[in-house]
Amino acid sequence: MTPDLELDCRDLLCPRPIIELGRHLADVEVGGTVAVVAHDPAARVDVPAFCRMRGQEYVGEDSAADGAPRYTVRRVS
């Protein structure tokens, strides 16, 4: 799956990847996807928690082209 927007948060530590996700979620249309690429192990828990708290859809985890963990969110509202 190719996201509509991919945020490079590889060098950011908690809570910065989630802050960036919150700042850029509105950059995609409702129904669009934002992927957060982050080496920070907390992102694996934080991105799904962000989705639950904000009423967005957590699509899942895969890997970016370089093998870095990538977490995808679908904008619901």
N, C-alpha and C. Protein backbone atom coordinates (compact mmCIF):
# COMPACT_ATOMS: atom_id res chain seq x y z
N MET A 1 0.84 -1.18 0.00
CA MET A 1 0.00 0.00 0.00
C MET A 1 0.88 1.24 0.00
N THR A 2 0.58 2.16 -0.86
CA THR A 2 1.31 3.43 -0.90
C THR A 2 0.49 4.48 -0.18
N PRO A 3 1.03 5.05 0.89
CA PRO A 3 0.26 6.07 1.63
C PRO A 3 0.18 7.38 0.85
N ASP A 4 -0.82 8.17 1.16
CA ASP A 4 -0.94 9.49 0.55
C ASP A 4 0.14 10.44 1.05
N LEU A 5 0.56 10.24 2.29
CA LEU A 5 1.60 11.07 2.90
C LEU A 5 2.46 10.17 3.77
N GLU A 6 3.76 10.28 3.66
CA GLU A 6 4.67 9.52 4.51
C GLU A 6 5.52 10.49 5.32
N LEU A 7 5.49 10.34 6.64
CA LEU A 7 6.26 11.20 7.53
C LEU A 7 7.54 10.49 7.94
N ASP A 8 8.67 11.13 7.68
CA ASP A 8 9.97 10.57 8.04
C ASP A 8 10.30 10.98 9.46
N CYS A 9 10.05 10.09 10.39
CA CYS A 9 10.31 10.33 11.81
C CYS A 9 11.39 9.38 12.33
N ARG A 10 12.24 8.91 11.44
CA ARG A 10 13.25 7.91 11.78
C ARG A 10 14.14 8.34 12.94
N ASP A 11 14.52 9.60 12.98
CA ASP A 11 15.45 10.08 14.00
C ASP A 11 14.76 10.76 15.18
N LEU A 12 13.44 10.67 15.26
CA LEU A 12 12.70 11.33 16.34
C LEU A 12 12.34 10.33 17.43
N LEU A 13 12.45 10.78 18.66
CA LEU A 13 12.08 9.96 19.81
C LEU A 13 10.70 10.35 20.33
N CYS A 14 10.09 9.46 21.06
CA CYS A 14 8.79 9.67 21.69
C CYS A 14 8.83 10.98 22.48
N PRO A 15 7.85 11.83 22.34
CA PRO A 15 6.57 11.68 21.63
C PRO A 15 6.55 12.33 20.25
N ARG A 16 7.69 12.70 19.71
CA ARG A 16 7.73 13.46 18.45
C ARG A 16 7.05 12.78 17.27
N PRO A 17 7.18 11.46 17.04
CA PRO A 17 6.46 10.89 15.89
C PRO A 17 4.94 11.10 15.98
N ILE A 18 4.39 11.01 17.18
CA ILE A 18 2.95 11.22 17.36
C ILE A 18 2.59 12.68 17.19
N ILE A 19 3.44 13.56 17.67
CA ILE A 19 3.20 14.99 17.47
C ILE A 19 3.17 15.31 15.98
N GLU A 20 4.11 14.75 15.23
CA GLU A 20 4.14 14.98 13.78
C GLU A 20 2.90 14.40 13.11
N LEU A 21 2.46 13.23 13.54
CA LEU A 21 1.24 12.65 13.00
C LEU A 21 0.06 13.57 13.26
N GLY A 22 -0.07 14.07 14.47
CA GLY A 22 -1.16 14.99 14.81
C GLY A 22 -1.11 16.27 13.99
N ARG A 23 0.08 16.77 13.74
CA ARG A 23 0.24 18.01 12.97
C ARG A 23 -0.11 17.83 11.50
N HIS A 24 0.11 16.65 10.96
CA HIS A 24 -0.03 16.45 9.52
C HIS A 24 -1.24 15.62 9.09
N LEU A 25 -2.01 15.11 10.03
CA LEU A 25 -3.17 14.29 9.66
C LEU A 25 -4.12 15.04 8.74
N ALA A 26 -4.35 16.31 9.01
CA ALA A 26 -5.27 17.11 8.20
C ALA A 26 -4.70 17.45 6.82
N ASP A 27 -3.44 17.09 6.57
CA ASP A 27 -2.84 17.33 5.25
C ASP A 27 -3.36 16.37 4.18
N VAL A 28 -4.06 15.31 4.60
CA VAL A 28 -4.65 14.38 3.64
C VAL A 28 -6.18 14.48 3.74
N GLU A 29 -6.84 14.15 2.65
CA GLU A 29 -8.30 14.14 2.62
C GLU A 29 -8.85 13.03 3.52
N VAL A 30 -10.10 13.19 3.96
CA VAL A 30 -10.77 12.11 4.68
C VAL A 30 -10.76 10.88 3.78
N GLY A 31 -10.36 9.75 4.33
CA GLY A 31 -10.22 8.52 3.57
C GLY A 31 -8.79 8.28 3.12
N GLY A 32 -7.95 9.32 3.19
CA GLY A 32 -6.56 9.20 2.82
C GLY A 32 -5.74 8.58 3.93
N THR A 33 -4.50 8.24 3.63
CA THR A 33 -3.64 7.59 4.61
C THR A 33 -2.35 8.37 4.84
N VAL A 34 -1.91 8.29 6.09
CA VAL A 34 -0.64 8.88 6.51
C VAL A 34 0.19 7.75 7.11
N ALA A 35 1.43 7.64 6.68
CA ALA A 35 2.33 6.63 7.23
C ALA A 35 3.41 7.33 8.05
N VAL A 36 3.68 6.79 9.22
CA VAL A 36 4.73 7.30 10.09
C VAL A 36 5.87 6.29 10.07
N VAL A 37 7.03 6.72 9.58
CA VAL A 37 8.21 5.86 9.55
C VAL A 37 9.06 6.24 10.75
N ALA A 38 9.24 5.32 11.68
CA ALA A 38 9.91 5.64 12.93
C ALA A 38 10.67 4.44 13.48
N HIS A 39 11.90 4.69 13.90
CA HIS A 39 12.69 3.65 14.57
C HIS A 39 12.37 3.57 16.06
N ASP A 40 11.74 4.60 16.60
CA ASP A 40 11.42 4.63 18.03
C ASP A 40 10.47 3.48 18.36
N PRO A 41 10.86 2.56 19.26
CA PRO A 41 10.00 1.41 19.56
C PRO A 41 8.65 1.80 20.16
N ALA A 42 8.54 2.96 20.76
CA ALA A 42 7.27 3.40 21.35
C ALA A 42 6.22 3.66 20.27
N ALA A 43 6.63 3.95 19.06
CA ALA A 43 5.68 4.23 17.98
C ALA A 43 4.77 3.05 17.72
N ARG A 44 5.25 1.83 17.94
CA ARG A 44 4.44 0.63 17.72
C ARG A 44 3.18 0.63 18.60
N VAL A 45 3.28 1.23 19.77
CA VAL A 45 2.15 1.32 20.69
C VAL A 45 1.44 2.67 20.54
N ASP A 46 2.23 3.72 20.34
CA ASP A 46 1.68 5.07 20.33
C ASP A 46 0.77 5.36 19.13
N VAL A 47 1.11 4.86 17.95
CA VAL A 47 0.29 5.17 16.77
C VAL A 47 -1.11 4.54 16.90
N PRO A 48 -1.24 3.25 17.26
CA PRO A 48 -2.59 2.72 17.46
C PRO A 48 -3.35 3.44 18.59
N ALA A 49 -2.65 3.82 19.66
CA ALA A 49 -3.30 4.55 20.76
C ALA A 49 -3.79 5.91 20.28
N PHE A 50 -3.00 6.60 19.47
CA PHE A 50 -3.40 7.87 18.88
C PHE A 50 -4.70 7.68 18.10
N CYS A 51 -4.76 6.62 17.30
CA CYS A 51 -5.95 6.37 16.50
C CYS A 51 -7.19 6.14 17.37
N ARG A 52 -7.04 5.36 18.42
CA ARG A 52 -8.17 5.11 19.32
C ARG A 52 -8.64 6.40 19.97
N MET A 53 -7.71 7.21 20.43
CA MET A 53 -8.07 8.46 21.13
C MET A 53 -8.65 9.50 20.18
N ARG A 54 -8.21 9.51 18.93
CA ARG A 54 -8.64 10.53 17.97
C ARG A 54 -9.72 10.05 17.01
N GLY A 55 -10.16 8.80 17.16
CA GLY A 55 -11.22 8.28 16.28
C GLY A 55 -10.77 8.07 14.85
N GLN A 56 -9.51 7.71 14.65
CA GLN A 56 -8.99 7.43 13.32
C GLN A 56 -8.79 5.92 13.17
N GLU A 57 -8.54 5.46 11.98
CA GLU A 57 -8.37 4.02 11.73
C GLU A 57 -6.89 3.66 11.64
N TYR A 58 -6.46 2.75 12.48
CA TYR A 58 -5.11 2.23 12.39
C TYR A 58 -5.11 1.13 11.34
N VAL A 59 -4.39 1.33 10.25
CA VAL A 59 -4.38 0.37 9.15
C VAL A 59 -3.43 -0.78 9.45
N GLY A 60 -2.26 -0.45 10.02
CA GLY A 60 -1.33 -1.51 10.37
C GLY A 60 0.12 -1.10 10.20
N GLU A 61 0.99 -2.10 10.40
CA GLU A 61 2.44 -1.90 10.35
C GLU A 61 3.02 -2.67 9.18
N ASP A 62 3.94 -2.03 8.48
CA ASP A 62 4.74 -2.71 7.48
C ASP A 62 6.13 -2.07 7.51
N SER A 63 6.86 -2.15 6.42
CA SER A 63 8.21 -1.59 6.39
C SER A 63 8.35 -0.61 5.24
N ALA A 64 9.10 0.45 5.49
CA ALA A 64 9.46 1.39 4.43
C ALA A 64 10.47 0.72 3.51
N ALA A 65 10.81 1.37 2.42
CA ALA A 65 11.73 0.80 1.43
C ALA A 65 13.08 0.41 2.03
N ASP A 66 13.52 1.14 3.06
CA ASP A 66 14.81 0.84 3.69
C ASP A 66 14.70 -0.14 4.85
N GLY A 67 13.50 -0.68 5.07
CA GLY A 67 13.30 -1.65 6.13
C GLY A 67 12.88 -1.05 7.46
N ALA A 68 12.80 0.26 7.56
CA ALA A 68 12.37 0.92 8.81
C ALA A 68 10.90 0.63 9.06
N PRO A 69 10.49 0.48 10.32
CA PRO A 69 9.08 0.26 10.63
C PRO A 69 8.22 1.43 10.15
N ARG A 70 7.06 1.10 9.58
CA ARG A 70 6.13 2.11 9.07
C ARG A 70 4.73 1.78 9.57
N TYR A 71 4.08 2.76 10.16
CA TYR A 71 2.75 2.60 10.76
C TYR A 71 1.77 3.48 9.98
N THR A 72 0.69 2.89 9.49
CA THR A 72 -0.23 3.61 8.60
C THR A 72 -1.57 3.87 9.29
N VAL A 73 -2.05 5.10 9.09
CA VAL A 73 -3.30 5.58 9.66
C VAL A 73 -4.19 6.09 8.52
N ARG A 74 -5.48 5.71 8.56
CA ARG A 74 -6.45 6.25 7.62
C ARG A 74 -7.24 7.35 8.32
N ARG A 75 -7.30 8.52 7.67
CA ARG A 75 -8.06 9.63 8.23
C ARG A 75 -9.55 9.35 8.05
N VAL A 76 -10.26 9.31 9.16
CA VAL A 76 -11.69 9.01 9.15
C VAL A 76 -12.52 10.29 9.23
N SER A 77 -12.00 11.29 9.92
CA SER A 77 -12.75 12.54 10.05
C SER A 77 -11.79 13.71 10.06
